[in-house]
Protein backbone atom coordinates (compact mmCIF):
# COMPACT_ATOMS: atom_id res chain seq x y z
CA MET A 1 118.52 130.42 85.77
CA THR A 2 118.50 131.41 89.68
CA GLN A 3 122.15 131.32 91.47
CA LYS A 4 121.84 129.56 94.45
CA ILE A 5 124.42 130.96 96.97
CA TYR A 6 125.53 129.40 100.49
CA THR A 7 125.28 131.99 103.49
CA ASN A 8 128.12 132.00 106.15
CA GLY A 9 128.14 133.27 109.41
CA ASN A 10 128.09 136.72 108.96
CA ASN A 11 125.60 138.88 107.00
CA THR A 12 126.81 139.27 103.53
CA VAL A 13 127.22 137.59 100.69
CA THR A 14 128.73 137.98 97.35
CA VAL A 15 126.64 137.49 94.24
CA ILE A 16 128.19 137.61 90.66
CA CYS A 17 126.19 138.96 87.55
CA PRO A 18 125.97 136.23 85.07
CA GLN A 19 125.72 138.59 81.98
CA CYS A 20 129.15 140.79 82.81
CA HIS A 21 130.43 138.47 85.80
CA LYS A 22 130.79 141.93 88.15
CA ASN A 23 130.89 140.90 91.72
CA LYS A 24 128.36 142.69 94.04
CA ILE A 25 128.12 142.35 97.77
CA LEU A 26 124.55 142.29 99.52
CA ASP A 27 123.38 142.72 102.66
CA ILE A 28 121.43 139.87 104.00
CA SER A 29 120.33 140.70 107.65
CA GLU A 30 117.10 141.28 106.97
CA HIS A 31 116.74 138.02 105.44
CA LYS A 32 118.30 135.93 108.16
CA LYS A 33 115.49 135.62 110.12
CA LYS A 34 113.06 133.83 107.37
CA GLU A 35 112.98 130.36 106.51
CA LYS A 36 115.99 128.30 105.40
CA ILE A 37 115.85 129.54 101.68
CA ALA A 38 115.28 133.25 100.48
CA VAL A 39 115.03 134.80 96.91
CA LEU A 40 116.31 137.98 95.90
CA GLU A 41 115.87 139.82 92.92
CA CYS A 42 119.24 141.41 92.26
CA ARG A 43 119.81 144.16 89.22
CA CYS A 44 123.31 144.79 87.86
CA GLU A 45 125.48 148.16 87.04
CA CYS A 46 125.21 146.43 83.67
CA GLY A 47 121.35 146.81 83.43
CA HIS A 48 121.26 142.81 83.81
CA SER A 49 118.45 141.25 86.40
CA TYR A 50 118.91 138.01 87.96
CA THR A 51 117.62 136.07 90.90
CA VAL A 52 119.29 134.55 93.66
CA MET A 53 118.31 131.86 96.29
CA LEU A 54 120.29 131.99 99.74
CA GLU A 55 120.45 128.73 100.94
CA ARG A 56 121.56 128.81 104.57
CA ARG A 57 122.73 125.25 104.92
CA LYS A 58 126.04 125.19 105.97
CA PHE A 59 127.54 122.66 103.49
CA TYR A 60 126.42 121.83 100.02
CA ARG A 61 123.86 119.12 98.97
CA LYS A 62 124.46 116.74 96.25
CA GLY A 63 121.29 115.30 94.95
CA THR A 64 121.19 111.86 94.51
CA ASN A 65 119.45 108.49 94.23
CA LEU A 66 121.28 105.84 95.87
CA PRO A 67 119.46 102.55 97.22
CA GLY A 68 120.98 100.96 100.42
CA ALA A 69 120.09 99.92 104.21
CA TYR A 70 120.06 100.67 107.55
CA THR A 71 120.10 99.13 110.79
CA TYR A 72 118.32 100.39 113.85
CA LYS A 73 119.09 99.42 117.49
CA LYS A 74 115.80 100.63 119.34
CA THR A 75 116.60 102.07 122.81
CA ASN A 76 114.70 101.07 125.44
CA LEU A 77 113.55 104.45 126.87
CA PRO A 78 113.10 107.63 125.30
CA GLY A 79 116.47 109.80 125.80
CA THR A 80 118.69 107.30 126.74
CA TYR A 81 121.04 105.62 124.24
CA THR A 82 121.96 102.35 125.41
CA LEU A 83 122.51 99.97 122.64
CA GLU A 84 119.91 97.29 124.26
CA GLY A 85 117.16 96.16 122.54
CA LYS A 86 116.51 94.08 118.87
CA ASP A 87 118.29 95.14 115.56
CA ASP A 88 115.81 96.28 113.02
CA ARG A 89 116.67 96.37 109.41
CA GLY A 90 115.45 98.14 106.37
CA LEU A 91 115.90 99.45 102.78
CA MET A 92 116.55 102.94 102.32
CA THR A 93 117.24 105.53 99.43
CA VAL A 94 120.03 108.39 99.72
CA ILE A 95 118.11 111.41 98.13
CA ASN A 96 120.98 114.00 99.03
CA ILE A 97 124.57 113.94 100.62
CA SER A 98 126.42 116.66 102.46
CA ARG A 99 129.71 116.65 104.21
CA SER A 100 127.65 116.54 107.26
CA GLY A 101 125.04 114.10 106.63
CA LEU A 102 122.12 112.40 104.57
CA LYS A 103 118.51 112.58 103.84
CA LEU A 104 117.31 109.30 103.39
CA ARG A 105 113.76 107.78 102.42
CA VAL A 106 113.16 104.57 104.05
CA ASN A 107 110.95 102.06 102.58
CA VAL A 108 108.22 102.12 105.36
CA THR A 109 107.31 104.44 108.11
CA ARG A 110 109.44 104.14 111.00
CA ASP A 111 109.22 105.04 114.71
CA PHE A 112 112.62 106.84 114.63
CA GLN A 113 113.30 109.86 117.31
CA PRO A 114 115.57 112.45 117.01
CA GLY A 115 119.30 111.27 118.50
CA ASP A 116 118.25 107.69 117.41
CA ILE A 117 121.49 105.89 115.93
CA LEU A 118 121.35 104.05 112.60
CA ASN A 119 124.15 102.71 110.43
CA VAL A 120 123.84 103.08 106.77
CA GLU A 121 125.31 101.26 104.10
CA PHE A 122 125.13 102.15 100.57
CA ASN A 123 127.40 102.28 97.51
CA LEU A 124 128.16 105.59 95.87
CA ASP A 125 127.52 105.80 91.82
CA ASP A 126 131.11 106.73 90.93
CA ARG A 127 133.16 104.70 89.01
CA ASP A 128 134.36 102.22 91.50
CA ARG A 129 130.87 101.94 92.87
CA SER A 130 132.69 102.93 96.50
CA PRO A 131 131.02 101.12 99.30
CA ILE A 132 129.97 103.40 102.18
CA LYS A 133 129.18 102.21 105.92
CA LYS A 134 128.55 105.07 108.33
CA SER A 135 127.09 105.41 111.63
CA VAL A 136 124.48 108.65 111.79
CA ILE A 137 122.47 110.26 114.03
CA VAL A 138 118.83 111.13 113.51
CA ARG A 139 118.01 114.93 113.49
CA ASN A 140 114.48 115.22 111.74
CA ILE A 141 111.64 112.95 110.34
CA GLN A 142 108.82 113.73 108.00
CA GLU A 143 106.96 110.46 107.33
CA LYS A 144 109.49 108.19 105.32
CA LEU A 145 112.21 111.17 105.05
CA VAL A 146 114.66 111.38 107.79
CA GLY A 147 117.28 113.55 107.80
CA VAL A 148 120.56 112.21 109.27
CA GLU A 149 123.81 113.41 110.42
CA PHE A 150 127.26 111.31 110.26
CA ALA A 151 128.35 110.32 113.84
CA ALA A 152 131.94 111.09 113.06
CA ILE A 153 133.00 113.18 109.70
CA GLU A 154 136.04 111.89 107.81
CA HIS A 155 137.01 114.46 105.32
CA PHE A 156 139.17 112.51 103.06
CA ASP A 157 137.30 109.54 102.70
CA LYS A 158 135.63 108.19 99.48
CA LEU A 159 132.36 110.30 100.16
CA GLY A 160 134.61 113.65 100.56
CA ALA A 161 136.03 112.70 96.96
CA TYR A 162 132.51 112.22 96.01
CA LEU A 163 130.91 115.47 97.00
CA LEU A 164 133.89 117.37 94.92
CA LYS A 165 132.65 115.79 91.67
């Protein structure tokens, strides 16, 4: 089984042998220039070989499949963030969640631009079906997949507790 290791700001990571549980510090400076994910083959002193995947995201992403809705206010000019214009609503599914944002799948391809602001609403699949309402900023778009960042991060809300489970 491949271990997923989240990198931090320095050029090292600590990996743990799944066989004997020994720690090993690896220099990952040569892998920093690669794509978001790098796969490394490791060999422990005990002789066990294992694979680790370096994930450069800042925060863990929890995979989900949560239906919801969004509201989008179109802006009049590219690069301006006035709230003039008509509200546009749509359905979405939250594909994954992290402390800093979401990956959404919208039901129809939209003309979102990086910097656009959406208001999203969905319920977590926790025991209380906790309702989540957040303002988010569009960061990237790939057809119907939209990466968004929370406009404000509240570390002690229901979402924070959900990510710890």
